[in-house]
């Protein structure tokens, strides 16, 4: 079993920059990692941290070859509003959330699935998303024609 530890993930810049997501929560089966670096969130406001979360659920009879295992995965990249120091008091207002860019993935496996089945889904799913038909759709909002 893998340890609950830092994850280092490169972004999509021309010269990729590595981002370290540190473990911040492991409670009731919910695991959270956050990129708390100043490069990703110069204001250091928690609502602006890029966050990865994962939560699994297993039916009680999964070990008997029945039931299902499900894993919810989320990557959320918040953007904060641009604030200026143009208030009457001259005090910079607190940073606030503007919007999120996010990815939600749900894995669902039958208890009867093989290790190879699960490896194939884990490998082939991201490769499908990387296919130009789907990646162009995400990046340009234009569906395949």
N, C-alpha and C. Protein backbone atom coordinates (compact mmCIF):
# COMPACT_ATOMS: atom_id res chain seq x y z
N UNK A 1 0.84 -1.17 0.00
CA UNK A 1 0.00 0.00 0.00
C UNK A 1 0.89 1.24 0.00
N UNK A 2 0.52 2.20 -0.84
CA UNK A 2 1.30 3.43 -0.93
C UNK A 2 1.08 4.28 0.31
N UNK A 3 2.11 5.01 0.70
CA UNK A 3 2.03 5.91 1.85
C UNK A 3 1.30 7.19 1.45
N UNK A 4 0.62 7.80 2.40
CA UNK A 4 -0.01 9.11 2.22
C UNK A 4 1.11 10.13 2.31
N UNK A 5 1.56 10.60 1.14
CA UNK A 5 2.77 11.42 1.09
C UNK A 5 2.62 12.50 0.02
N UNK A 6 3.65 13.34 -0.10
CA UNK A 6 3.66 14.38 -1.12
C UNK A 6 3.50 13.78 -2.51
N UNK A 7 2.83 14.55 -3.39
CA UNK A 7 2.74 14.21 -4.81
C UNK A 7 3.35 15.38 -5.58
N UNK A 8 4.24 15.07 -6.52
CA UNK A 8 4.83 16.11 -7.35
C UNK A 8 4.28 15.93 -8.76
N UNK A 9 3.62 16.98 -9.27
CA UNK A 9 2.94 16.90 -10.55
C UNK A 9 3.34 18.11 -11.38
N UNK A 10 3.73 17.88 -12.63
CA UNK A 10 4.12 18.96 -13.54
C UNK A 10 2.89 19.58 -14.18
N UNK A 11 2.95 20.90 -14.40
CA UNK A 11 1.84 21.59 -15.06
C UNK A 11 2.01 21.53 -16.58
N UNK A 12 1.21 22.29 -17.32
CA UNK A 12 1.19 22.22 -18.78
C UNK A 12 1.88 23.41 -19.43
N UNK A 13 2.71 24.14 -18.70
CA UNK A 13 3.43 25.26 -19.29
C UNK A 13 4.42 24.76 -20.35
N UNK A 14 4.84 25.66 -21.22
CA UNK A 14 5.83 25.30 -22.24
C UNK A 14 7.06 24.66 -21.62
N UNK A 15 7.54 25.26 -20.54
CA UNK A 15 8.58 24.66 -19.71
C UNK A 15 7.87 24.26 -18.43
N UNK A 16 7.51 22.97 -18.31
CA UNK A 16 6.70 22.54 -17.16
C UNK A 16 7.34 22.86 -15.81
N UNK A 17 6.49 23.24 -14.89
CA UNK A 17 6.89 23.53 -13.52
C UNK A 17 6.28 22.45 -12.64
N UNK A 18 7.10 21.88 -11.76
CA UNK A 18 6.60 20.88 -10.82
C UNK A 18 5.88 21.56 -9.65
N UNK A 19 4.77 20.98 -9.26
CA UNK A 19 3.99 21.46 -8.12
C UNK A 19 3.93 20.33 -7.09
N UNK A 20 4.26 20.66 -5.85
CA UNK A 20 4.23 19.67 -4.78
C UNK A 20 2.92 19.80 -4.01
N UNK A 21 2.14 18.73 -4.03
CA UNK A 21 0.89 18.66 -3.28
C UNK A 21 1.19 17.92 -1.99
N UNK A 22 1.01 18.61 -0.87
CA UNK A 22 1.32 18.02 0.43
C UNK A 22 0.05 17.46 1.06
N UNK A 23 0.15 16.36 1.79
CA UNK A 23 -1.02 15.80 2.47
C UNK A 23 -1.52 16.77 3.55
N UNK A 24 -2.82 17.02 3.54
CA UNK A 24 -3.39 17.92 4.55
C UNK A 24 -4.52 17.28 5.35
N UNK A 25 -5.10 16.20 4.83
CA UNK A 25 -6.19 15.56 5.57
C UNK A 25 -6.31 14.10 5.20
N UNK A 26 -6.57 13.30 6.23
CA UNK A 26 -6.89 11.88 6.05
C UNK A 26 -7.90 11.57 7.15
N UNK A 27 -9.18 11.76 6.81
CA UNK A 27 -10.22 11.54 7.82
C UNK A 27 -11.43 10.89 7.17
N UNK A 28 -11.92 9.82 7.79
CA UNK A 28 -13.11 9.11 7.31
C UNK A 28 -13.01 8.71 5.84
N UNK A 29 -11.82 8.32 5.43
CA UNK A 29 -11.63 7.86 4.05
C UNK A 29 -11.47 8.97 3.03
N UNK A 30 -11.46 10.23 3.45
CA UNK A 30 -11.24 11.36 2.55
C UNK A 30 -9.80 11.81 2.69
N UNK A 31 -9.09 11.79 1.57
CA UNK A 31 -7.69 12.20 1.53
C UNK A 31 -7.58 13.49 0.74
N UNK A 32 -6.88 14.49 1.29
CA UNK A 32 -6.69 15.77 0.61
C UNK A 32 -5.21 16.10 0.53
N UNK A 33 -4.82 16.60 -0.63
CA UNK A 33 -3.48 17.13 -0.85
C UNK A 33 -3.66 18.54 -1.39
N UNK A 34 -2.76 19.46 -1.02
CA UNK A 34 -2.84 20.82 -1.54
C UNK A 34 -1.47 21.31 -1.98
N UNK A 35 -1.49 22.10 -3.05
CA UNK A 35 -0.31 22.84 -3.49
C UNK A 35 -0.38 24.18 -2.79
N UNK A 36 0.41 24.34 -1.75
CA UNK A 36 0.37 25.55 -0.94
C UNK A 36 1.52 26.50 -1.25
N UNK A 37 2.13 26.31 -2.42
CA UNK A 37 3.29 27.12 -2.78
C UNK A 37 2.88 28.55 -3.15
N UNK A 38 3.78 29.47 -2.94
CA UNK A 38 3.54 30.88 -3.30
C UNK A 38 3.41 31.03 -4.81
N UNK A 39 4.05 30.15 -5.58
CA UNK A 39 3.97 30.24 -7.04
C UNK A 39 2.54 29.97 -7.52
N UNK A 40 1.85 29.05 -6.87
CA UNK A 40 0.48 28.72 -7.27
C UNK A 40 -0.54 29.65 -6.65
N UNK A 41 -0.23 30.19 -5.49
CA UNK A 41 -1.18 31.02 -4.76
C UNK A 41 -0.39 32.10 -4.02
N UNK A 42 0.00 33.18 -4.74
CA UNK A 42 0.87 34.19 -4.14
C UNK A 42 0.33 34.82 -2.86
N UNK A 43 -1.00 34.86 -2.71
CA UNK A 43 -1.58 35.47 -1.51
C UNK A 43 -1.62 34.51 -0.33
N UNK A 44 -1.42 33.21 -0.59
CA UNK A 44 -1.42 32.23 0.49
C UNK A 44 -2.77 32.02 1.13
N UNK A 45 -3.83 32.33 0.41
CA UNK A 45 -5.19 32.20 0.94
C UNK A 45 -5.67 30.77 0.73
N UNK A 46 -6.10 30.07 1.78
CA UNK A 46 -6.48 28.66 1.65
C UNK A 46 -7.51 28.38 0.54
N UNK A 47 -8.45 29.29 0.33
CA UNK A 47 -9.46 29.06 -0.70
C UNK A 47 -8.83 29.03 -2.10
N UNK A 48 -7.60 29.49 -2.22
CA UNK A 48 -6.92 29.52 -3.51
C UNK A 48 -5.95 28.39 -3.75
N UNK A 49 -5.84 27.45 -2.81
CA UNK A 49 -4.90 26.34 -2.99
C UNK A 49 -5.44 25.33 -4.00
N UNK A 50 -4.60 24.93 -4.96
CA UNK A 50 -4.95 23.81 -5.84
C UNK A 50 -5.07 22.57 -4.95
N UNK A 51 -6.13 21.79 -5.17
CA UNK A 51 -6.42 20.68 -4.27
C UNK A 51 -6.72 19.40 -5.03
N UNK A 52 -6.17 18.32 -4.54
CA UNK A 52 -6.48 16.97 -5.02
C UNK A 52 -7.19 16.26 -3.88
N UNK A 53 -8.31 15.62 -4.20
CA UNK A 53 -8.98 14.83 -3.17
C UNK A 53 -9.33 13.46 -3.72
N UNK A 54 -9.37 12.50 -2.84
CA UNK A 54 -9.75 11.14 -3.21
C UNK A 54 -10.50 10.52 -2.05
N UNK A 55 -11.58 9.82 -2.38
CA UNK A 55 -12.37 9.15 -1.36
C UNK A 55 -12.89 7.84 -1.93
N UNK A 56 -12.64 6.77 -1.22
CA UNK A 56 -13.07 5.45 -1.67
C UNK A 56 -14.19 4.89 -0.83
N UNK A 57 -14.99 4.03 -1.46
CA UNK A 57 -16.07 3.35 -0.75
C UNK A 57 -16.13 1.92 -1.26
N UNK A 58 -16.27 0.98 -0.35
CA UNK A 58 -16.30 -0.43 -0.71
C UNK A 58 -17.52 -1.06 -0.05
N UNK A 59 -18.30 -1.79 -0.86
CA UNK A 59 -19.44 -2.48 -0.26
C UNK A 59 -18.92 -3.60 0.63
N UNK A 60 -19.68 -3.95 1.64
CA UNK A 60 -19.22 -4.90 2.65
C UNK A 60 -18.90 -6.28 2.09
N UNK A 61 -19.54 -6.65 0.98
CA UNK A 61 -19.33 -7.99 0.45
C UNK A 61 -18.33 -8.04 -0.71
N UNK A 62 -17.53 -6.96 -0.88
CA UNK A 62 -16.59 -6.92 -2.00
C UNK A 62 -15.52 -8.02 -1.88
N UNK A 63 -15.12 -8.35 -0.67
CA UNK A 63 -14.09 -9.38 -0.50
C UNK A 63 -14.63 -10.79 -0.74
N UNK A 64 -15.95 -10.91 -0.80
CA UNK A 64 -16.56 -12.21 -1.08
C UNK A 64 -16.83 -12.37 -2.58
N UNK A 65 -16.33 -11.41 -3.38
CA UNK A 65 -16.52 -11.51 -4.83
C UNK A 65 -17.82 -10.88 -5.31
N UNK A 66 -18.50 -10.19 -4.43
CA UNK A 66 -19.73 -9.50 -4.80
C UNK A 66 -19.56 -8.02 -4.46
N UNK A 67 -20.47 -7.21 -4.94
CA UNK A 67 -20.43 -5.79 -4.59
C UNK A 67 -19.50 -5.00 -5.48
N UNK A 68 -19.24 -3.77 -5.05
CA UNK A 68 -18.44 -2.85 -5.85
C UNK A 68 -17.51 -2.02 -4.99
N UNK A 69 -16.49 -1.53 -5.66
CA UNK A 69 -15.57 -0.56 -5.07
C UNK A 69 -15.67 0.70 -5.91
N UNK A 70 -15.77 1.85 -5.28
CA UNK A 70 -15.82 3.12 -6.00
C UNK A 70 -14.78 4.07 -5.41
N UNK A 71 -14.16 4.85 -6.28
CA UNK A 71 -13.18 5.85 -5.86
C UNK A 71 -13.51 7.14 -6.59
N UNK A 72 -13.75 8.20 -5.82
CA UNK A 72 -13.97 9.53 -6.38
C UNK A 72 -12.68 10.31 -6.28
N UNK A 73 -12.26 10.87 -7.41
CA UNK A 73 -11.03 11.65 -7.49
C UNK A 73 -11.40 13.04 -8.01
N UNK A 74 -10.83 14.07 -7.41
CA UNK A 74 -11.08 15.43 -7.86
C UNK A 74 -9.78 16.21 -7.88
N UNK A 75 -9.64 17.01 -8.92
CA UNK A 75 -8.56 18.00 -8.98
C UNK A 75 -9.23 19.34 -9.18
N UNK A 76 -9.03 20.25 -8.26
CA UNK A 76 -9.67 21.57 -8.33
C UNK A 76 -8.59 22.65 -8.31
N UNK A 77 -8.65 23.53 -9.31
CA UNK A 77 -7.71 24.63 -9.44
C UNK A 77 -8.50 25.94 -9.35
N UNK A 78 -8.56 26.54 -8.16
CA UNK A 78 -9.32 27.77 -8.00
C UNK A 78 -8.55 28.99 -8.54
N UNK A 79 -9.30 29.99 -8.93
CA UNK A 79 -8.73 31.28 -9.31
C UNK A 79 -9.35 32.33 -8.41
N UNK A 80 -8.50 33.20 -7.89
CA UNK A 80 -8.97 34.26 -7.01
C UNK A 80 -9.25 35.53 -7.81
N UNK A 81 -10.19 36.34 -7.31
CA UNK A 81 -10.48 37.62 -7.93
C UNK A 81 -9.24 38.51 -7.83
N UNK A 82 -9.06 39.35 -8.82
CA UNK A 82 -8.00 40.35 -8.76
C UNK A 82 -8.48 41.46 -7.85
N UNK A 83 -7.70 41.76 -6.84
CA UNK A 83 -8.07 42.82 -5.91
C UNK A 83 -7.09 43.98 -6.07
N UNK A 84 -7.59 45.17 -5.82
CA UNK A 84 -6.72 46.34 -5.89
C UNK A 84 -6.81 47.12 -4.59
N UNK A 85 -5.88 47.98 -4.39
CA UNK A 85 -5.82 48.76 -3.16
C UNK A 85 -6.53 50.10 -3.36
N UNK A 86 -7.67 50.06 -4.06
CA UNK A 86 -8.35 51.31 -4.36
C UNK A 86 -9.53 51.58 -3.41
N UNK A 87 -9.50 50.98 -2.25
CA UNK A 87 -10.57 51.23 -1.28
C UNK A 87 -10.33 52.58 -0.60
N UNK A 88 -11.37 53.14 -0.02
CA UNK A 88 -11.25 54.43 0.66
C UNK A 88 -10.29 54.35 1.84
N UNK A 89 -10.29 53.21 2.51
CA UNK A 89 -9.42 53.08 3.69
C UNK A 89 -7.96 52.87 3.32
N UNK A 90 -7.73 52.48 2.05
CA UNK A 90 -6.36 52.21 1.63
C UNK A 90 -5.88 50.83 2.05
N UNK A 91 -6.77 50.04 2.65
CA UNK A 91 -6.41 48.69 3.09
C UNK A 91 -6.81 47.72 1.99
N UNK A 92 -5.88 46.87 1.63
CA UNK A 92 -6.14 45.88 0.59
C UNK A 92 -7.21 44.92 1.06
N UNK A 93 -8.31 44.77 0.28
CA UNK A 93 -9.35 43.83 0.71
C UNK A 93 -8.87 42.38 0.65
N UNK A 94 -9.53 41.54 1.40
CA UNK A 94 -9.18 40.11 1.41
C UNK A 94 -9.43 39.50 0.04
N UNK A 95 -8.57 38.58 -0.31
CA UNK A 95 -8.74 37.86 -1.58
C UNK A 95 -10.00 37.01 -1.51
N UNK A 96 -10.71 36.94 -2.62
CA UNK A 96 -11.92 36.13 -2.67
C UNK A 96 -11.87 35.20 -3.87
N UNK A 97 -12.62 34.13 -3.78
CA UNK A 97 -12.70 33.13 -4.83
C UNK A 97 -13.43 33.71 -6.04
N UNK A 98 -12.94 33.43 -7.25
CA UNK A 98 -13.60 33.87 -8.48
C UNK A 98 -14.28 32.70 -9.18
N UNK A 99 -13.51 31.63 -9.46
CA UNK A 99 -14.05 30.45 -10.14
C UNK A 99 -13.07 29.29 -9.99
N UNK A 100 -13.56 28.09 -10.32
CA UNK A 100 -12.73 26.87 -10.29
C UNK A 100 -12.63 26.30 -11.69
N UNK A 101 -11.51 25.70 -11.97
CA UNK A 101 -11.36 24.77 -13.08
C UNK A 101 -11.16 23.42 -12.39
N UNK A 102 -11.89 22.41 -12.81
CA UNK A 102 -11.88 21.17 -12.05
C UNK A 102 -12.01 19.95 -12.94
N UNK A 103 -11.57 18.84 -12.41
CA UNK A 103 -11.70 17.54 -13.05
C UNK A 103 -12.23 16.57 -12.00
N UNK A 104 -13.30 15.84 -12.35
CA UNK A 104 -13.89 14.85 -11.46
C UNK A 104 -13.84 13.50 -12.16
N UNK A 105 -13.29 12.52 -11.50
CA UNK A 105 -13.20 11.17 -12.05
C UNK A 105 -13.79 10.21 -11.04
N UNK A 106 -14.59 9.28 -11.51
CA UNK A 106 -15.14 8.27 -10.61
C UNK A 106 -14.79 6.90 -11.19
N UNK A 107 -14.09 6.12 -10.40
CA UNK A 107 -13.80 4.74 -10.75
C UNK A 107 -14.84 3.86 -10.07
N UNK A 108 -15.40 2.91 -10.80
CA UNK A 108 -16.32 1.93 -10.22
C UNK A 108 -15.91 0.56 -10.74
N UNK A 109 -15.60 -0.33 -9.82
CA UNK A 109 -15.15 -1.68 -10.19
C UNK A 109 -16.00 -2.73 -9.49
N UNK A 110 -16.36 -3.73 -10.22
CA UNK A 110 -17.01 -4.89 -9.62
C UNK A 110 -15.98 -5.62 -8.77
N UNK A 111 -16.45 -6.24 -7.72
CA UNK A 111 -15.56 -7.06 -6.89
C UNK A 111 -14.96 -8.20 -7.72
N UNK A 112 -15.62 -8.56 -8.81
CA UNK A 112 -15.13 -9.65 -9.66
C UNK A 112 -14.06 -9.19 -10.65
N UNK A 113 -13.81 -7.89 -10.74
CA UNK A 113 -12.81 -7.39 -11.70
C UNK A 113 -11.42 -7.88 -11.30
N UNK A 114 -10.61 -8.07 -12.31
CA UNK A 114 -9.24 -8.52 -12.06
C UNK A 114 -8.32 -7.32 -11.86
N UNK A 115 -7.15 -7.59 -11.31
CA UNK A 115 -6.14 -6.55 -11.17
C UNK A 115 -5.83 -5.96 -12.54
N UNK A 116 -5.74 -6.81 -13.57
CA UNK A 116 -5.44 -6.33 -14.92
C UNK A 116 -6.55 -5.42 -15.43
N UNK A 117 -7.82 -5.76 -15.15
CA UNK A 117 -8.93 -4.88 -15.54
C UNK A 117 -8.72 -3.48 -14.95
N UNK A 118 -8.39 -3.42 -13.68
CA UNK A 118 -8.24 -2.13 -13.00
C UNK A 118 -7.01 -1.38 -13.51
N UNK A 119 -5.94 -2.10 -13.78
CA UNK A 119 -4.75 -1.47 -14.36
C UNK A 119 -5.06 -0.88 -15.73
N UNK A 120 -5.83 -1.61 -16.55
CA UNK A 120 -6.18 -1.14 -17.89
C UNK A 120 -7.01 0.15 -17.82
N UNK A 121 -8.00 0.17 -16.94
CA UNK A 121 -8.83 1.38 -16.81
C UNK A 121 -7.97 2.57 -16.36
N UNK A 122 -7.10 2.35 -15.39
CA UNK A 122 -6.25 3.41 -14.88
C UNK A 122 -5.29 3.93 -15.95
N UNK A 123 -4.80 3.06 -16.80
CA UNK A 123 -3.86 3.46 -17.85
C UNK A 123 -4.57 4.05 -19.06
N UNK A 124 -5.64 3.40 -19.51
CA UNK A 124 -6.28 3.79 -20.76
C UNK A 124 -7.18 5.01 -20.62
N UNK A 125 -7.78 5.22 -19.45
CA UNK A 125 -8.63 6.39 -19.25
C UNK A 125 -7.89 7.70 -19.48
N UNK A 126 -6.76 7.93 -18.81
CA UNK A 126 -6.00 9.17 -19.05
C UNK A 126 -5.48 9.28 -20.49
N UNK A 127 -5.13 8.14 -21.09
CA UNK A 127 -4.67 8.19 -22.49
C UNK A 127 -5.81 8.62 -23.41
N UNK A 128 -7.03 8.19 -23.11
CA UNK A 128 -8.18 8.63 -23.90
C UNK A 128 -8.37 10.14 -23.75
N UNK A 129 -8.23 10.64 -22.53
CA UNK A 129 -8.36 12.08 -22.31
C UNK A 129 -7.26 12.87 -23.03
N UNK A 130 -6.10 12.26 -23.19
CA UNK A 130 -4.99 12.93 -23.87
C UNK A 130 -5.14 12.89 -25.39
N UNK A 131 -6.05 12.05 -25.90
CA UNK A 131 -6.30 11.99 -27.34
C UNK A 131 -6.77 13.37 -27.81
N UNK A 132 -6.32 13.78 -29.00
CA UNK A 132 -6.63 15.14 -29.47
C UNK A 132 -8.12 15.42 -29.58
N UNK A 133 -8.92 14.41 -29.88
CA UNK A 133 -10.36 14.65 -29.97
C UNK A 133 -10.92 15.17 -28.65
N UNK A 134 -10.48 14.57 -27.55
CA UNK A 134 -10.99 14.97 -26.24
C UNK A 134 -10.21 16.16 -25.66
N UNK A 135 -8.89 16.18 -25.85
CA UNK A 135 -8.12 17.29 -25.28
C UNK A 135 -8.47 18.60 -25.99
N UNK A 136 -8.70 18.57 -27.31
CA UNK A 136 -9.12 19.79 -28.01
C UNK A 136 -10.48 20.25 -27.50
N UNK A 137 -11.37 19.30 -27.25
CA UNK A 137 -12.70 19.64 -26.75
C UNK A 137 -12.60 20.36 -25.41
N UNK A 138 -11.74 19.88 -24.53
CA UNK A 138 -11.56 20.51 -23.22
C UNK A 138 -10.93 21.90 -23.38
N UNK A 139 -9.92 22.00 -24.24
CA UNK A 139 -9.17 23.25 -24.34
C UNK A 139 -9.88 24.33 -25.14
N UNK A 140 -10.66 23.94 -26.17
CA UNK A 140 -11.27 24.94 -27.05
C UNK A 140 -12.79 24.95 -26.99
N UNK A 141 -13.40 24.04 -26.22
CA UNK A 141 -14.85 23.89 -26.11
C UNK A 141 -15.47 23.43 -27.43
N UNK A 142 -14.66 22.93 -28.38
CA UNK A 142 -15.18 22.48 -29.68
C UNK A 142 -15.22 20.96 -29.70
N UNK A 143 -16.43 20.41 -29.83
CA UNK A 143 -16.56 18.95 -29.87
C UNK A 143 -16.09 18.40 -31.21
N UNK A 144 -15.73 17.13 -31.26
CA UNK A 144 -15.28 16.54 -32.54
C UNK A 144 -16.38 16.66 -33.58
N UNK A 145 -15.98 16.89 -34.82
CA UNK A 145 -16.99 17.04 -35.88
C UNK A 145 -17.04 15.81 -36.77
